[in-house]
Amino acid sequence: AVHLLIALPCEAKPIVDHFRLKRLMSESAFAIYARDNLSLTVSGIGKSAMAAATAYTHLLFGKQSDSIWLNIGVAGHKEAAIGTPFIAEKITDADNGQNHYPTFVAAQPCDSLPLSTFSAPQNCYPENSLCDMEASAFFETASRFSSSELIQCLKTISDNDKHSTEQVNPKGVSSLIEKQLPLIDTIIQNFIVLADSLPTINDEIPSLLSDRWHFTASEQRQLKALLQRWKLLSPEQPIEELELPGTANRKEFLQWFKKKTDSLDLILVSEEI
């Protein structure tokens, strides 16, 4: 299944029309549209609304663990041209400083930039970073339900230093999103291909790890995501064959394993270039 999470009705409208989605009239908590294996949920503005909408969508559509999650909307940037699309390569919650890192396993169909999520509209833009009001909550929540390889944020520039948020209107936002429909099509298709190729990870953490380190629930989620990435990028070397570090500290092990998998990502990208 593919789940699109959108903050505003004006952002959602061209996508609903393009995919000929039908509103689920039985749902009143959020405006939810669906057709076949594609859903679109309009969350409303802000982190709490987006977190609630993402969790609600997961429950409504059967709690699948291999769903594709895509947050689409507009964002601000200090100098990027209006209408330019970007994929978020790093997502920071500006309120608490927490960072989230989407996993890229192939070349992306458009440029990428860091993204900062704020609790209020910004006219003072961070240096070389997109800014919005929902992405960090979307990514943090969706990460509980799916692999980070299948979660992404696509943002189109709606405001900058020369075109303030006060000049942004619903009709203009719909037009900006409409121009990105071919790109949205491409991203969804790429995701579907990737999802089909992802290895299935057993819910059980390998005993050589669980016997040695007693992971918290949060650490188990992080470890399972790392194991899936490792199996995807290094199928010829099972985790059981890795020479594990001597540390007795589970957090140090997770940091070590993350560096290992990140180095595989770099190898994959360099081979493509």
C-alpha atoms as a PDB file:
ATOM      1  CA  ALA A   1       0.000   0.000   0.000  1.00  0.00           C
ATOM      2  CA  VAL A   2       1.036   3.595  -0.675  1.00  0.00           C
ATOM      3  CA  HIS A   3      -0.019   6.250   1.843  1.00  0.00           C
ATOM      4  CA  LEU A   4       0.221   9.954   1.003  1.00  0.00           C
ATOM      5  CA  LEU A   5       0.078  12.351   3.961  1.00  0.00           C
ATOM      6  CA  ILE A   6      -0.787  15.939   3.054  1.00  0.00           C
ATOM      7  CA  ALA A   7      -1.260  18.894   5.415  1.00  0.00           C
ATOM      8  CA  LEU A   8      -3.574  21.147   3.387  1.00  0.00           C
ATOM      9  CA  PRO A   9      -6.632  20.542   1.172  1.00  0.00           C
ATOM     10  CA  CYS A  10      -5.135  22.822  -1.506  1.00  0.00           C
ATOM     11  CA  GLU A  11      -2.022  20.613  -1.591  1.00  0.00           C
ATOM     12  CA  ALA A  12      -4.162  17.485  -1.780  1.00  0.00           C
ATOM     13  CA  LYS A  13      -6.642  18.544  -4.491  1.00  0.00           C
ATOM     14  CA  PRO A  14      -4.446  18.111  -7.613  1.00  0.00           C
ATOM     15  CA  ILE A  15      -3.226  14.741  -6.310  1.00  0.00           C
ATOM     16  CA  VAL A  16      -6.762  13.525  -5.554  1.00  0.00           C
ATOM     17  CA  ASP A  17      -7.850  14.578  -9.055  1.00  0.00           C
ATOM     18  CA  HIS A  18      -4.787  13.060 -10.744  1.00  0.00           C
ATOM     19  CA  PHE A  19      -5.191   9.627  -9.166  1.00  0.00           C
ATOM     20  CA  ARG A  20      -9.019   9.800  -9.218  1.00  0.00           C
ATOM     21  CA  LEU A  21      -9.208   9.081  -5.509  1.00  0.00           C
ATOM     22  CA  LYS A  22     -12.587   8.775  -3.783  1.00  0.00           C
ATOM     23  CA  ARG A  23     -13.318  10.179  -0.350  1.00  0.00           C
ATOM     24  CA  LEU A  24     -14.107   7.651   2.367  1.00  0.00           C
ATOM     25  CA  MET A  25     -17.322   9.158   3.669  1.00  0.00           C
ATOM     26  CA  SER A  26     -17.311   6.826   6.675  1.00  0.00           C
ATOM     27  CA  GLU A  27     -14.233   8.599   8.052  1.00  0.00           C
ATOM     28  CA  SER A  28     -14.747  11.866   9.908  1.00  0.00           C
ATOM     29  CA  ALA A  29     -11.540  12.238  11.946  1.00  0.00           C
ATOM     30  CA  PHE A  30      -9.630  13.219   8.786  1.00  0.00           C
ATOM     31  CA  ALA A  31     -10.461  13.721   5.120  1.00  0.00           C
ATOM     32  CA  ILE A  32      -9.231  10.430   3.647  1.00  0.00           C
ATOM     33  CA  TYR A  33      -9.278   9.472  -0.026  1.00  0.00           C
ATOM     34  CA  ALA A  34      -8.421   6.101  -1.538  1.00  0.00           C
ATOM     35  CA  ARG A  35      -8.392   3.992  -4.671  1.00  0.00           C
ATOM     36  CA  ASP A  36      -6.935   0.503  -5.041  1.00  0.00           C
ATOM     37  CA  ASN A  37      -3.720   0.430  -2.972  1.00  0.00           C
ATOM     38  CA  LEU A  38      -3.266   4.203  -2.789  1.00  0.00           C
ATOM     39  CA  SER A  39      -4.561   6.403   0.034  1.00  0.00           C
ATOM     40  CA  LEU A  40      -4.326  10.125   0.769  1.00  0.00           C
ATOM     41  CA  THR A  41      -4.957  11.629   4.202  1.00  0.00           C
ATOM     42  CA  VAL A  42      -5.331  15.384   4.799  1.00  0.00           C
ATOM     43  CA  SER A  43      -3.890  15.956   8.258  1.00  0.00           C
ATOM     44  CA  GLY A  44      -4.251  19.668   8.853  1.00  0.00           C
ATOM     45  CA  ILE A  45      -1.406  21.982   9.859  1.00  0.00           C
ATOM     46  CA  GLY A  46       1.203  21.172  12.487  1.00  0.00           C
ATOM     47  CA  LYS A  47       3.163  18.326  14.006  1.00  0.00           C
ATOM     48  CA  SER A  48       0.490  16.932  16.338  1.00  0.00           C
ATOM     49  CA  ALA A  49      -2.095  16.840  13.534  1.00  0.00           C
ATOM     50  CA  MET A  50       0.363  15.093  11.197  1.00  0.00           C
ATOM     51  CA  ALA A  51       1.413  12.531  13.815  1.00  0.00           C
ATOM     52  CA  ALA A  52      -2.230  11.711  14.563  1.00  0.00           C
ATOM     53  CA  ALA A  53      -3.139  11.438  10.861  1.00  0.00           C
ATOM     54  CA  THR A  54      -0.196   9.145  10.133  1.00  0.00           C
ATOM     55  CA  ALA A  55      -1.038   6.813  13.021  1.00  0.00           C
ATOM     56  CA  TYR A  56      -4.750   6.868  12.113  1.00  0.00           C
ATOM     57  CA  THR A  57      -3.955   5.948   8.497  1.00  0.00           C
ATOM     58  CA  HIS A  58      -1.779   3.046   9.622  1.00  0.00           C
ATOM     59  CA  LEU A  59      -4.594   1.650  11.783  1.00  0.00           C
ATOM     60  CA  LEU A  60      -7.324   2.272   9.214  1.00  0.00           C
ATOM     61  CA  PHE A  61      -5.579   0.392   6.417  1.00  0.00           C
ATOM     62  CA  GLY A  62      -4.732  -2.768   8.317  1.00  0.00           C
ATOM     63  CA  LYS A  63      -1.454  -1.999  10.094  1.00  0.00           C
ATOM     64  CA  GLN A  64       0.724  -3.287   7.247  1.00  0.00           C
ATOM     65  CA  SER A  65       4.446  -3.299   8.031  1.00  0.00           C
ATOM     66  CA  ASP A  66       5.704  -2.833   4.471  1.00  0.00           C
ATOM     67  CA  SER A  67       3.664   0.196   3.367  1.00  0.00           C
ATOM     68  CA  ILE A  68       5.115   3.144   1.452  1.00  0.00           C
ATOM     69  CA  TRP A  69       4.761   6.539   3.161  1.00  0.00           C
ATOM     70  CA  LEU A  70       5.138   9.842   1.335  1.00  0.00           C
ATOM     71  CA  ASN A  71       4.599  13.325   2.762  1.00  0.00           C
ATOM     72  CA  ILE A  72       3.957  15.845  -0.025  1.00  0.00           C
ATOM     73  CA  GLY A  73       3.578  19.582   0.416  1.00  0.00           C
ATOM     74  CA  VAL A  74       5.096  23.023   0.125  1.00  0.00           C
ATOM     75  CA  ALA A  75       8.019  24.441   2.073  1.00  0.00           C
ATOM     76  CA  GLY A  76      10.037  27.602   2.427  1.00  0.00           C
ATOM     77  CA  HIS A  77      13.714  28.214   1.662  1.00  0.00           C
ATOM     78  CA  LYS A  78      15.952  31.260   1.879  1.00  0.00           C
ATOM     79  CA  GLU A  79      16.817  31.471  -1.822  1.00  0.00           C
ATOM     80  CA  ALA A  80      15.569  28.441  -3.787  1.00  0.00           C
ATOM     81  CA  ALA A  81      13.292  29.375  -6.687  1.00  0.00           C
ATOM     82  CA  ILE A  82       9.525  29.118  -6.221  1.00  0.00           C
ATOM     83  CA  GLY A  83       8.246  25.831  -7.634  1.00  0.00           C
ATOM     84  CA  THR A  84      11.506  23.892  -7.206  1.00  0.00           C
ATOM     85  CA  PRO A  85      10.989  20.371  -5.794  1.00  0.00           C
ATOM     86  CA  PHE A  86      13.290  18.814  -3.199  1.00  0.00           C
ATOM     87  CA  ILE A  87      13.421  15.523  -1.332  1.00  0.00           C
ATOM     88  CA  ALA A  88      14.326  15.805   2.352  1.00  0.00           C
ATOM     89  CA  GLU A  89      17.728  14.208   3.006  1.00  0.00           C
ATOM     90  CA  LYS A  90      17.728  15.027   6.738  1.00  0.00           C
ATOM     91  CA  ILE A  91      14.754  16.125   8.854  1.00  0.00           C
ATOM     92  CA  THR A  92      15.260  18.154  12.030  1.00  0.00           C
ATOM     93  CA  ASP A  93      12.629  19.027  14.622  1.00  0.00           C
ATOM     94  CA  ALA A  94      13.525  22.666  15.285  1.00  0.00           C
ATOM     95  CA  ASP A  95      11.816  22.553  18.702  1.00  0.00           C
ATOM     96  CA  ASN A  96      13.871  19.744  20.233  1.00  0.00           C
ATOM     97  CA  GLY A  97      16.785  19.306  17.810  1.00  0.00           C
ATOM     98  CA  GLN A  98      15.937  15.681  17.054  1.00  0.00           C
ATOM     99  CA  ASN A  99      17.231  14.511  13.663  1.00  0.00           C
ATOM    100  CA  HIS A 100      15.782  11.895  11.322  1.00  0.00           C
ATOM    101  CA  TYR A 101      17.648  10.458   8.351  1.00  0.00           C
ATOM    102  CA  PRO A 102      15.687   9.003   5.424  1.00  0.00           C
ATOM    103  CA  THR A 103      17.485   6.085   3.790  1.00  0.00           C
ATOM    104  CA  PHE A 104      18.319   6.441   0.097  1.00  0.00           C
ATOM    105  CA  VAL A 105      19.302   3.216  -1.662  1.00  0.00           C
ATOM    106  CA  ALA A 106      19.252   4.606  -5.204  1.00  0.00           C
ATOM    107  CA  ALA A 107      19.646   7.891  -7.046  1.00  0.00           C
ATOM    108  CA  GLN A 108      16.747  10.293  -6.438  1.00  0.00           C
ATOM    109  CA  PRO A 109      14.663  11.831  -9.264  1.00  0.00           C
ATOM    110  CA  CYS A 110      15.203  15.388  -7.978  1.00  0.00           C
ATOM    111  CA  ASP A 111      17.631  17.313  -5.771  1.00  0.00           C
ATOM    112  CA  SER A 112      17.649  16.872  -1.997  1.00  0.00           C
ATOM    113  CA  LEU A 113      18.162  19.258   0.925  1.00  0.00           C
ATOM    114  CA  PRO A 114      17.940  19.187   4.724  1.00  0.00           C
ATOM    115  CA  LEU A 115      14.512  20.095   6.119  1.00  0.00           C
ATOM    116  CA  SER A 116      13.699  21.785   9.441  1.00  0.00           C
ATOM    117  CA  THR A 117      10.220  21.481  10.967  1.00  0.00           C
ATOM    118  CA  PHE A 118       8.948  24.456  12.979  1.00  0.00           C
ATOM    119  CA  SER A 119       5.842  25.023  15.085  1.00  0.00           C
ATOM    120  CA  ALA A 120       5.026  28.329  13.355  1.00  0.00           C
ATOM    121  CA  PRO A 121       5.455  29.799   9.844  1.00  0.00           C
ATOM    122  CA  GLN A 122       8.970  31.146   9.238  1.00  0.00           C
ATOM    123  CA  ASN A 123      10.046  34.299   7.456  1.00  0.00           C
ATOM    124  CA  CYS A 124      13.605  33.991   8.827  1.00  0.00           C
ATOM    125  CA  TYR A 125      14.842  30.955   6.914  1.00  0.00           C
ATOM    126  CA  PRO A 126      17.584  28.632   8.206  1.00  0.00           C
ATOM    127  CA  GLU A 127      20.741  28.552   6.100  1.00  0.00           C
ATOM    128  CA  ASN A 128      20.442  26.103   3.189  1.00  0.00           C
ATOM    129  CA  SER A 129      17.530  24.202   4.708  1.00  0.00           C
ATOM    130  CA  LEU A 130      13.917  23.784   3.733  1.00  0.00           C
ATOM    131  CA  CYS A 131      11.371  24.609   6.421  1.00  0.00           C
ATOM    132  CA  ASP A 132       7.869  23.277   7.027  1.00  0.00           C
ATOM    133  CA  MET A 133       5.539  22.476   9.947  1.00  0.00           C
ATOM    134  CA  GLU A 134       4.876  18.714   9.691  1.00  0.00           C
ATOM    135  CA  ALA A 135       7.730  16.600   8.288  1.00  0.00           C
ATOM    136  CA  SER A 136       9.528  15.631  11.502  1.00  0.00           C
ATOM    137  CA  ALA A 137       6.297  14.342  13.070  1.00  0.00           C
ATOM    138  CA  PHE A 138       5.418  12.487   9.863  1.00  0.00           C
ATOM    139  CA  PHE A 139       8.789  10.773   9.631  1.00  0.00           C
ATOM    140  CA  GLU A 140       9.035   9.926  13.323  1.00  0.00           C
ATOM    141  CA  THR A 141       5.544   8.383  13.323  1.00  0.00           C
ATOM    142  CA  ALA A 142       5.808   6.530  10.002  1.00  0.00           C
ATOM    143  CA  SER A 143       9.162   5.075  11.106  1.00  0.00           C
ATOM    144  CA  ARG A 144       7.286   3.091  13.747  1.00  0.00           C
ATOM    145  CA  PHE A 145       5.301   1.311  11.049  1.00  0.00           C
ATOM    146  CA  SER A 146       7.632   0.844   8.070  1.00  0.00           C
ATOM    147  CA  SER A 147      11.242   0.685   6.948  1.00  0.00           C
ATOM    148  CA  SER A 148      13.036   4.027   6.550  1.00  0.00           C
ATOM    149  CA  GLU A 149      13.771   3.126   2.911  1.00  0.00           C
ATOM    150  CA  LEU A 150      10.021   3.419   2.248  1.00  0.00           C
ATOM    151  CA  ILE A 151       9.445   6.807   3.924  1.00  0.00           C
ATOM    152  CA  GLN A 152      10.087  10.100   2.166  1.00  0.00           C
ATOM    153  CA  CYS A 153       9.174  13.787   2.156  1.00  0.00           C
ATOM    154  CA  LEU A 154       8.781  15.708  -1.110  1.00  0.00           C
ATOM    155  CA  LYS A 155       8.558  19.479  -0.776  1.00  0.00           C
ATOM    156  CA  THR A 156       7.987  22.186  -3.387  1.00  0.00           C
ATOM    157  CA  ILE A 157       9.228  25.711  -2.679  1.00  0.00           C
ATOM    158  CA  SER A 158       6.307  28.088  -2.031  1.00  0.00           C
ATOM    159  CA  ASP A 159       8.105  30.976  -0.320  1.00  0.00           C
ATOM    160  CA  ASN A 160      11.571  32.492   0.048  1.00  0.00           C
ATOM    161  CA  ASP A 161      13.277  35.773   0.961  1.00  0.00           C
ATOM    162  CA  LYS A 162      11.742  37.495  -2.068  1.00  0.00           C
ATOM    163  CA  HIS A 163       8.292  35.867  -1.890  1.00  0.00           C
ATOM    164  CA  SER A 164       7.036  35.718   1.711  1.00  0.00           C
ATOM    165  CA  THR A 165       4.514  33.341   3.267  1.00  0.00           C
ATOM    166  CA  GLU A 166       1.959  36.200   3.224  1.00  0.00           C
ATOM    167  CA  GLN A 167       1.978  36.017  -0.586  1.00  0.00           C
ATOM    168  CA  VAL A 168       1.173  32.303  -0.652  1.00  0.00           C
ATOM    169  CA  ASN A 169      -2.477  31.448  -1.414  1.00  0.00           C
ATOM    170  CA  PRO A 170      -4.403  28.167  -1.836  1.00  0.00           C
ATOM    171  CA  LYS A 171      -4.804  28.477  -5.609  1.00  0.00           C
ATOM    172  CA  GLY A 172      -1.089  29.093  -6.024  1.00  0.00           C
ATOM    173  CA  VAL A 173      -0.231  26.129  -3.806  1.00  0.00           C
ATOM    174  CA  SER A 174      -2.480  23.820  -5.860  1.00  0.00           C
ATOM    175  CA  SER A 175      -0.736  25.012  -9.016  1.00  0.00           C
ATOM    176  CA  LEU A 176       2.713  24.327  -7.527  1.00  0.00           C
ATOM    177  CA  ILE A 177       1.742  20.780  -6.545  1.00  0.00           C
ATOM    178  CA  GLU A 178       0.042  20.112  -9.884  1.00  0.00           C
ATOM    179  CA  LYS A 179       3.313  20.817 -11.711  1.00  0.00           C
ATOM    180  CA  GLN A 180       4.997  18.094  -9.652  1.00  0.00           C
ATOM    181  CA  LEU A 181       2.527  15.320 -10.566  1.00  0.00           C
ATOM    182  CA  PRO A 182       4.927  13.623 -13.051  1.00  0.00           C
ATOM    183  CA  LEU A 183       7.619  13.641 -10.355  1.00  0.00           C
ATOM    184  CA  ILE A 184       5.168  12.246  -7.789  1.00  0.00           C
ATOM    185  CA  ASP A 185       4.280   9.470 -10.249  1.00  0.00           C
ATOM    186  CA  THR A 186       7.971   8.636 -10.659  1.00  0.00           C
ATOM    187  CA  ILE A 187       8.665   8.586  -6.921  1.00  0.00           C
ATOM    188  CA  ILE A 188       5.703   6.303  -6.223  1.00  0.00           C
ATOM    189  CA  GLN A 189       6.710   3.887  -8.994  1.00  0.00           C
ATOM    190  CA  ASN A 190      10.312   3.833  -7.745  1.00  0.00           C
ATOM    191  CA  PHE A 191       9.027   3.096  -4.253  1.00  0.00           C
ATOM    192  CA  ILE A 192       6.857   0.215  -5.477  1.00  0.00           C
ATOM    193  CA  VAL A 193       9.839  -1.373  -7.240  1.00  0.00           C
ATOM    194  CA  LEU A 194      11.977  -0.895  -4.131  1.00  0.00           C
ATOM    195  CA  ALA A 195       9.321  -2.334  -1.806  1.00  0.00           C
ATOM    196  CA  ASP A 196       9.120  -5.461  -3.959  1.00  0.00           C
ATOM    197  CA  SER A 197      12.892  -5.913  -3.699  1.00  0.00           C
ATOM    198  CA  LEU A 198      13.187  -5.353   0.055  1.00  0.00           C
ATOM    199  CA  PRO A 199      13.999  -8.513   1.984  1.00  0.00           C
ATOM    200  CA  THR A 200      11.527  -9.676   4.576  1.00  0.00           C
ATOM    201  CA  ILE A 201      12.998  -9.379   8.026  1.00  0.00           C
ATOM    202  CA  ASN A 202      12.017 -11.924  10.616  1.00  0.00           C
ATOM    203  CA  ASP A 203      10.397 -10.242  13.610  1.00  0.00           C
ATOM    204  CA  GLU A 204      12.938 -12.017  15.782  1.00  0.00           C
ATOM    205  CA  ILE A 205      16.279 -10.312  16.335  1.00  0.00           C
ATOM    206  CA  PRO A 206      19.102 -12.851  15.706  1.00  0.00           C
ATOM    207  CA  SER A 207      19.992 -14.669  18.909  1.00  0.00           C
ATOM    208  CA  LEU A 208      23.674 -13.763  18.656  1.00  0.00           C
ATOM    209  CA  LEU A 209      22.561 -10.154  19.200  1.00  0.00           C
ATOM    210  CA  SER A 210      19.642 -10.599  21.611  1.00  0.00           C
ATOM    211  CA  ASP A 211      21.634 -12.973  23.838  1.00  0.00           C
ATOM    212  CA  ARG A 212      24.454 -10.472  24.139  1.00  0.00           C
ATOM    213  CA  TRP A 213      22.601  -7.151  24.325  1.00  0.00           C
ATOM    214  CA  HIS A 214      19.190  -6.531  25.899  1.00  0.00           C
ATOM    215  CA  PHE A 215      17.652  -3.863  23.658  1.00  0.00           C
ATOM    216  CA  THR A 216      14.819  -1.539  24.677  1.00  0.00           C
ATOM    217  CA  ALA A 217      11.665  -1.461  22.515  1.00  0.00           C
ATOM    218  CA  SER A 218      12.900   1.693  20.772  1.00  0.00           C
ATOM    219  CA  GLU A 219      16.330   0.153  20.177  1.00  0.00           C
ATOM    220  CA  GLN A 220      14.719  -3.001  18.785  1.00  0.00           C
ATOM    221  CA  ARG A 221      12.875  -0.903  16.170  1.00  0.00           C
ATOM    222  CA  GLN A 222      16.123   0.834  15.250  1.00  0.00           C
ATOM    223  CA  LEU A 223      17.981  -2.480  15.053  1.00  0.00           C
ATOM    224  CA  LYS A 224      15.325  -4.117  12.854  1.00  0.00           C
ATOM    225  CA  ALA A 225      15.532  -1.194  10.416  1.00  0.00           C
ATOM    226  CA  LEU A 226      19.330  -1.517  10.317  1.00  0.00           C
ATOM    227  CA  LEU A 227      19.083  -5.281   9.796  1.00  0.00           C
ATOM    228  CA  GLN A 228      16.739  -4.779   6.866  1.00  0.00           C
ATOM    229  CA  ARG A 229      19.058  -2.227   5.281  1.00  0.00           C
ATOM    230  CA  TRP A 230      22.032  -4.544   5.808  1.00  0.00           C
ATOM    231  CA  LYS A 231      20.223  -7.488   4.206  1.00  0.00           C
ATOM    232  CA  LEU A 232      19.213  -5.323   1.233  1.00  0.00           C
ATOM    233  CA  LEU A 233      22.649  -3.816   0.604  1.00  0.00           C
ATOM    234  CA  SER A 234      24.849  -6.757   1.602  1.00  0.00           C
ATOM    235  CA  PRO A 235      22.903  -9.958   0.891  1.00  0.00           C
ATOM    236  CA  GLU A 236      26.142 -11.901   0.381  1.00  0.00           C
ATOM    237  CA  GLN A 237      27.269 -11.299   3.994  1.00  0.00           C
ATOM    238  CA  PRO A 238      24.730 -12.414   6.627  1.00  0.00           C
ATOM    239  CA  ILE A 239      24.819 -10.602   9.946  1.00  0.00           C
ATOM    240  CA  GLU A 240      25.858 -13.908  11.543  1.00  0.00           C
ATOM    241  CA  GLU A 241      29.181 -13.712   9.659  1.00  0.00           C
ATOM    242  CA  LEU A 242      30.056 -10.196  10.857  1.00  0.00           C
ATOM    243  CA  GLU A 243      32.891  -9.761  13.321  1.00  0.00           C
ATOM    244  CA  LEU A 244      31.023  -8.002  16.117  1.00  0.00           C
ATOM    245  CA  PRO A 245      32.639  -5.355  18.331  1.00  0.00           C
ATOM    246  CA  GLY A 246      33.747  -6.278  21.840  1.00  0.00           C
ATOM    247  CA  THR A 247      31.621  -3.635  23.563  1.00  0.00           C
ATOM    248  CA  ALA A 248      29.102  -4.663  26.200  1.00  0.00           C
ATOM    249  CA  ASN A 249      27.196  -1.408  25.661  1.00  0.00           C
ATOM    250  CA  ARG A 250      24.163  -1.862  23.395  1.00  0.00           C
ATOM    251  CA  LYS A 251      24.138   1.823  22.343  1.00  0.00           C
ATOM    252  CA  GLU A 252      27.761   1.576  21.240  1.00  0.00           C
ATOM    253  CA  PHE A 253      26.872  -1.544  19.257  1.00  0.00           C
ATOM    254  CA  LEU A 254      23.989   0.247  17.507  1.00  0.00           C
ATOM    255  CA  GLN A 255      26.286   3.164  16.630  1.00  0.00           C
ATOM    256  CA  TRP A 256      28.854   0.717  15.260  1.00  0.00           C
ATOM    257  CA  PHE A 257      26.257  -1.174  13.202  1.00  0.00           C
ATOM    258  CA  LYS A 258      24.780   2.060  11.840  1.00  0.00           C
ATOM    259  CA  LYS A 259      28.246   3.155  10.634  1.00  0.00           C
ATOM    260  CA  LYS A 260      28.629  -0.236   8.961  1.00  0.00           C
ATOM    261  CA  THR A 261      25.333   0.072   7.084  1.00  0.00           C
ATOM    262  CA  ASP A 262      25.981   3.732   6.209  1.00  0.00           C
ATOM    263  CA  SER A 263      29.260   2.698   4.576  1.00  0.00           C
ATOM    264  CA  LEU A 264      27.306   0.229   2.423  1.00  0.00           C
ATOM    265  CA  ASP A 265      25.020   3.081   1.301  1.00  0.00           C
ATOM    266  CA  LEU A 266      28.072   5.088   0.244  1.00  0.00           C
ATOM    267  CA  ILE A 267      29.458   2.151  -1.714  1.00  0.00           C
ATOM    268  CA  LEU A 268      26.128   1.700  -3.517  1.00  0.00           C
ATOM    269  CA  VAL A 269      25.916   5.373  -4.496  1.00  0.00           C
ATOM    270  CA  SER A 270      29.527   5.530  -5.678  1.00  0.00           C
ATOM    271  CA  GLU A 271      28.997   2.465  -7.869  1.00  0.00           C
ATOM    272  CA  GLU A 272      26.015   4.118  -9.550  1.00  0.00           C
ATOM    273  CA  ILE A 273      28.049   7.239 -10.323  1.00  0.00           C
END
